[in-house]
Protein backbone atom coordinates (compact mmCIF):
# COMPACT_ATOMS: atom_id res chain seq x y z
CA MET A 1 43.75 -13.54 -21.22
CA SER A 2 46.94 -12.15 -22.74
CA LYS A 3 50.25 -13.61 -21.68
CA PRO A 4 52.37 -11.63 -19.20
CA LEU A 5 55.30 -9.71 -20.67
CA ILE A 6 58.54 -10.91 -19.08
CA PHE A 7 61.79 -9.01 -19.50
CA ILE A 8 65.06 -10.89 -18.93
CA SER A 9 68.67 -9.79 -18.53
CA ASN A 10 71.81 -11.17 -16.87
CA ASP A 11 75.46 -10.41 -16.20
CA ASP A 12 77.14 -13.46 -17.76
CA GLY A 13 76.37 -12.29 -21.28
CA ILE A 14 73.96 -13.06 -24.10
CA THR A 15 75.46 -16.50 -24.82
CA ALA A 16 75.51 -17.80 -21.22
CA LYS A 17 73.96 -21.20 -20.60
CA GLY A 18 72.20 -19.90 -17.50
CA LEU A 19 70.42 -17.20 -19.51
CA ARG A 20 69.22 -19.79 -22.01
CA ALA A 21 67.85 -21.93 -19.17
CA LEU A 22 65.92 -18.96 -17.75
CA VAL A 23 64.51 -18.07 -21.18
CA ASP A 24 63.42 -21.68 -21.69
CA VAL A 25 61.36 -21.51 -18.51
CA ALA A 26 59.97 -18.01 -18.95
CA LYS A 27 58.74 -18.50 -22.52
CA THR A 28 56.44 -21.30 -21.34
CA ILE A 29 54.76 -18.75 -19.06
CA GLY A 30 54.67 -15.50 -21.01
CA GLU A 31 55.98 -13.37 -23.85
CA VAL A 32 59.72 -12.88 -23.35
CA VAL A 33 62.04 -10.06 -24.38
CA VAL A 34 65.76 -10.35 -23.66
CA VAL A 35 68.36 -7.58 -23.41
CA ALA A 36 71.70 -8.90 -22.19
CA PRO A 37 75.32 -7.72 -22.24
CA ASP A 38 77.48 -8.59 -25.23
CA LYS A 39 80.17 -9.95 -22.90
CA PRO A 40 80.45 -11.12 -19.26
CA GLN A 41 79.84 -8.34 -16.74
CA SER A 42 80.21 -10.20 -13.44
CA GLY A 43 81.07 -8.04 -10.43
CA LYS A 44 79.90 -4.83 -12.10
CA GLY A 45 77.34 -4.19 -9.37
CA HIS A 46 75.00 -1.32 -10.27
CA ALA A 47 77.47 0.43 -12.55
CA VAL A 48 76.08 2.44 -15.47
CA THR A 49 77.92 3.65 -18.55
CA ILE A 50 78.25 7.43 -18.84
CA LYS A 51 81.56 8.04 -20.65
CA TYR A 52 80.95 5.95 -23.78
CA PRO A 53 78.05 5.49 -26.21
CA LEU A 54 75.96 2.33 -25.92
CA ARG A 55 74.85 0.08 -28.75
CA LEU A 56 71.74 -2.08 -28.82
CA THR A 57 71.78 -4.77 -31.51
CA LYS A 58 68.98 -7.18 -32.31
CA VAL A 59 70.21 -10.78 -32.37
CA ASP A 60 68.77 -14.19 -33.21
CA VAL A 61 69.87 -16.20 -30.18
CA PHE A 62 66.68 -17.73 -28.78
CA GLU A 63 64.00 -19.30 -30.95
CA ASN A 64 60.82 -17.20 -31.14
CA VAL A 65 62.12 -14.75 -28.52
CA GLU A 66 62.88 -11.09 -29.19
CA SER A 67 66.52 -10.67 -28.16
CA TRP A 68 68.92 -7.75 -28.03
CA MET A 69 72.62 -7.48 -27.26
CA CYS A 70 73.83 -4.42 -25.33
CA THR A 71 77.39 -3.11 -25.06
CA GLY A 72 76.76 -1.89 -21.51
CA THR A 73 76.35 -3.24 -17.99
CA PRO A 74 73.37 -5.20 -16.63
CA ALA A 75 71.87 -1.98 -15.25
CA ASP A 76 72.36 -0.35 -18.67
CA CYS A 77 70.46 -3.24 -20.25
CA VAL A 78 67.40 -2.65 -18.06
CA LYS A 79 67.51 1.12 -18.50
CA MET A 80 67.77 0.86 -22.29
CA ALA A 81 64.97 -1.68 -22.46
CA LYS A 82 62.71 0.59 -20.41
CA ASP A 83 63.39 3.74 -22.40
CA ILE A 84 63.72 2.28 -25.91
CA LEU A 85 61.87 -1.05 -26.17
CA PHE A 86 59.07 -0.66 -23.64
CA LYS A 87 57.97 2.94 -24.06
CA ASP A 88 54.45 1.82 -24.92
CA ARG A 89 54.38 -1.63 -23.31
CA ASN A 90 53.91 -2.63 -19.70
CA VAL A 91 56.35 -5.21 -18.34
CA ASP A 92 54.78 -7.58 -15.84
CA LEU A 93 57.96 -9.18 -14.52
CA VAL A 94 61.72 -8.51 -14.63
CA LEU A 95 64.05 -11.51 -14.33
CA SER A 96 67.83 -11.72 -14.17
CA GLY A 97 70.10 -14.78 -14.40
CA ILE A 98 70.47 -17.62 -14.06
CA ASN A 99 73.84 -16.52 -12.71
CA HIS A 100 76.76 -18.95 -12.80
CA GLY A 101 77.67 -18.73 -9.10
CA ALA A 102 75.76 -17.88 -5.93
CA ASN A 103 74.83 -14.32 -4.95
CA THR A 104 74.30 -14.89 -1.26
CA SER A 105 75.14 -12.56 1.62
CA ILE A 106 77.07 -9.37 0.86
CA ASN A 107 77.60 -10.48 -2.74
CA ILE A 108 74.31 -8.81 -3.64
CA LEU A 109 76.23 -5.50 -3.55
CA TYR A 110 78.73 -6.66 -6.18
CA SER A 111 76.35 -8.68 -8.31
CA GLY A 112 75.46 -7.55 -11.81
CA THR A 113 72.71 -10.17 -11.78
CA MET A 114 70.99 -8.65 -8.78
CA SER A 115 71.60 -5.11 -10.00
CA ALA A 116 69.59 -5.84 -13.16
CA ALA A 117 66.75 -7.16 -11.00
CA MET A 118 67.10 -4.21 -8.63
CA GLU A 119 66.83 -1.78 -11.53
CA GLY A 120 63.51 -3.40 -12.37
CA ALA A 121 62.32 -2.99 -8.79
CA ILE A 122 63.36 0.67 -8.83
CA GLU A 123 60.99 1.07 -11.77
CA GLY A 124 58.18 -0.45 -9.70
CA LYS A 125 58.23 -3.93 -11.26
CA LYS A 126 58.12 -7.34 -9.65
CA SER A 127 61.73 -8.44 -10.06
CA ILE A 128 63.70 -11.60 -9.32
CA GLY A 129 67.39 -12.44 -9.58
CA PHE A 130 68.25 -16.13 -9.92
CA SER A 131 71.66 -17.68 -9.17
CA LEU A 132 72.99 -21.24 -9.10
CA ASP A 133 75.78 -22.14 -6.68
CA ASP A 134 78.00 -23.41 -9.51
CA PHE A 135 80.53 -21.25 -11.36
CA SER A 136 81.05 -23.74 -14.19
CA SER A 137 80.10 -22.56 -17.68
CA GLU A 138 78.62 -26.05 -18.19
CA ALA A 139 76.60 -26.12 -14.95
CA ASP A 140 73.48 -28.30 -14.80
CA PHE A 141 70.38 -26.08 -14.57
CA THR A 142 67.79 -28.88 -14.38
CA ALA A 143 66.89 -28.33 -10.73
CA SER A 144 67.06 -24.56 -11.15
CA LYS A 145 64.50 -24.62 -13.96
CA HIS A 146 62.05 -26.64 -11.85
CA TYR A 147 62.08 -24.21 -8.93
CA ILE A 148 62.34 -21.10 -11.07
CA GLU A 149 59.12 -22.01 -12.88
CA LYS A 150 57.38 -22.52 -9.55
CA ILE A 151 58.59 -19.18 -8.17
CA ILE A 152 57.77 -17.22 -11.34
CA ARG A 153 54.21 -18.55 -11.47
CA ARG A 154 53.59 -17.79 -7.79
CA VAL A 155 54.94 -14.25 -8.11
CA LEU A 156 52.83 -13.55 -11.21
CA ASP A 157 49.75 -15.00 -9.52
CA SER A 158 50.20 -12.86 -6.42
CA ASP A 159 48.06 -9.74 -6.05
CA ARG A 160 50.87 -7.59 -4.64
CA ASP A 161 50.81 -4.05 -6.04
CA GLN A 162 54.05 -2.81 -4.50
CA PRO A 163 57.47 -3.50 -6.05
CA LEU A 164 59.01 -6.84 -5.20
CA LEU A 165 62.71 -7.72 -5.31
CA LEU A 166 63.71 -11.32 -4.61
CA ASN A 167 67.23 -12.73 -4.44
CA VAL A 168 66.93 -16.46 -5.20
CA ASN A 169 69.87 -18.85 -4.83
CA ILE A 170 69.77 -22.52 -5.78
CA PRO A 171 72.14 -25.17 -4.41
CA SER A 172 74.20 -27.14 -6.91
CA ILE A 173 72.66 -30.54 -6.23
CA GLN A 174 70.24 -32.86 -8.02
CA LEU A 175 66.55 -31.99 -8.15
CA GLU A 176 65.53 -34.89 -5.91
CA GLU A 177 68.05 -33.78 -3.28
CA ILE A 178 66.60 -30.28 -2.86
CA LYS A 179 64.43 -30.11 0.26
CA GLY A 180 62.29 -27.16 -0.83
CA ILE A 181 62.18 -23.38 -0.69
CA LYS A 182 63.29 -21.42 2.37
CA ILE A 183 62.35 -17.76 2.91
CA CYS A 184 65.30 -16.32 4.79
CA ARG A 185 67.45 -13.29 5.41
CA GLN A 186 70.75 -12.21 3.93
CA SER A 187 73.68 -13.58 5.90
CA ARG A 188 76.39 -11.33 7.28
CA GLY A 189 79.70 -12.02 5.60
CA LYS A 190 82.65 -10.34 3.92
CA TRP A 191 85.46 -10.92 1.50
CA THR A 192 89.01 -11.03 2.77
CA GLU A 193 90.84 -9.71 -0.27
CA GLU A 194 94.34 -10.49 -1.36
CA PHE A 195 96.22 -9.09 -4.33
CA SER A 196 98.63 -11.36 -6.14
CA LYS A 197 101.53 -9.30 -7.48
CA SER A 198 103.38 -10.09 -10.69
CA ILE A 199 105.72 -8.27 -13.05
CA ASP A 200 104.93 -7.77 -16.72
CA PRO A 201 107.58 -8.15 -19.50
CA ARG A 202 108.40 -4.44 -19.22
CA GLY A 203 109.17 -4.74 -15.54
CA VAL A 204 106.00 -2.99 -14.39
CA PRO A 205 104.09 -4.58 -11.49
CA TYR A 206 100.46 -5.62 -11.90
CA TYR A 207 97.96 -7.22 -9.54
CA TRP A 208 95.23 -9.88 -9.63
CA LEU A 209 92.44 -9.64 -7.07
CA THR A 210 92.01 -12.88 -5.16
CA GLY A 211 90.61 -13.71 -1.74
CA ARG A 212 88.19 -15.80 0.23
CA PHE A 213 84.67 -15.31 1.50
CA GLU A 214 84.10 -15.35 5.26
CA ASN A 215 80.71 -16.26 6.74
CA LEU A 216 80.30 -14.18 9.90
CA GLU A 217 77.22 -16.12 11.06
CA LYS A 218 78.24 -19.75 10.82
CA ASP A 219 75.82 -20.85 13.55
CA ALA A 220 72.77 -18.98 12.20
CA THR A 221 70.04 -21.17 10.70
CA ASP A 222 67.83 -18.49 9.17
CA THR A 223 70.17 -17.18 6.47
CA ASP A 224 70.64 -17.70 2.74
CA LEU A 225 74.09 -19.26 3.28
CA TRP A 226 72.62 -21.82 5.68
CA ALA A 227 69.74 -22.58 3.31
CA ILE A 228 71.76 -23.48 0.23
CA ALA A 229 74.37 -25.29 2.32
CA ASN A 230 71.57 -27.47 3.70
CA GLY A 231 69.80 -28.28 0.46
CA TYR A 232 67.20 -25.51 0.21
CA VAL A 233 66.49 -22.90 -2.43
CA SER A 234 66.95 -19.58 -0.60
CA VAL A 235 64.60 -16.67 -1.25
CA VAL A 236 65.63 -13.36 0.30
CA PRO A 237 63.29 -10.35 0.03
CA SER A 238 65.65 -7.52 -0.81
CA ASN A 239 65.56 -3.74 -1.18
CA PHE A 240 67.45 -0.83 -2.69
CA ASP A 241 66.83 1.31 0.42
CA LEU A 242 70.15 1.16 2.30
CA THR A 243 68.94 3.27 5.21
CA LYS A 244 69.59 1.67 8.60
CA HIS A 245 66.18 2.57 9.97
CA SER A 246 66.94 1.29 13.48
CA GLN A 247 69.48 4.10 13.92
CA LEU A 248 67.37 7.00 12.70
CA ASP A 249 66.49 7.98 16.26
CA ASP A 250 69.92 7.14 17.68
CA LEU A 251 71.93 9.79 15.90
CA ASP A 252 70.61 12.88 17.70
CA PHE A 253 74.07 13.44 19.15
CA ILE A 254 75.29 14.49 15.68
CA ILE A 255 72.78 17.34 15.33
């Protein structure tokens, strides 16, 4: 049997350590093609580039892996791969990550990592975004690689025909400390933003976005935030349909 074709992107850029860790795992399972941004694109969400031309450059970054560097966003990377590299090839699995930093709760809306995976799901592909709860550029991905391989193999072995989008977050602890995988829901939370004001040398004010994340369900035990805080790898089945279906029949008063 031929190996599955696995497409990989990320939002931390083509040289990120997390991307290399994901490629290392995926190439033991299938044929891998990488298209990743030429620079960090964290927080870009599902942005696409429409005002500027995009460039796609072949690079020699990963041994025996076809790799391309894109000047656009994570979503651009997936779109360009689909329309330029995979016109006559069927991709079996779309992966994104491993992100440096968790993408739990509402962060899925801001995440370039999850937007790349979501773009794959929009195209009808099984897609997974992987994130490690460690923002360090030198984070240890040993435990991540162990569970990522397990999840990839199970997804590829499944007989699901419909698109699949998984948001996977891994706690930043040693492999032997992880208790297992927990299927859970996205936690409710929000960012409380603050803008730090400074003055540039010309006397013009400028601002840095800062803030803190607030978990709105601290007592819930079935969420992604609870899972990684308690030593589990969280797996959240996600979707690009933002309809609140429970209210479809409750809005008759507007008509």
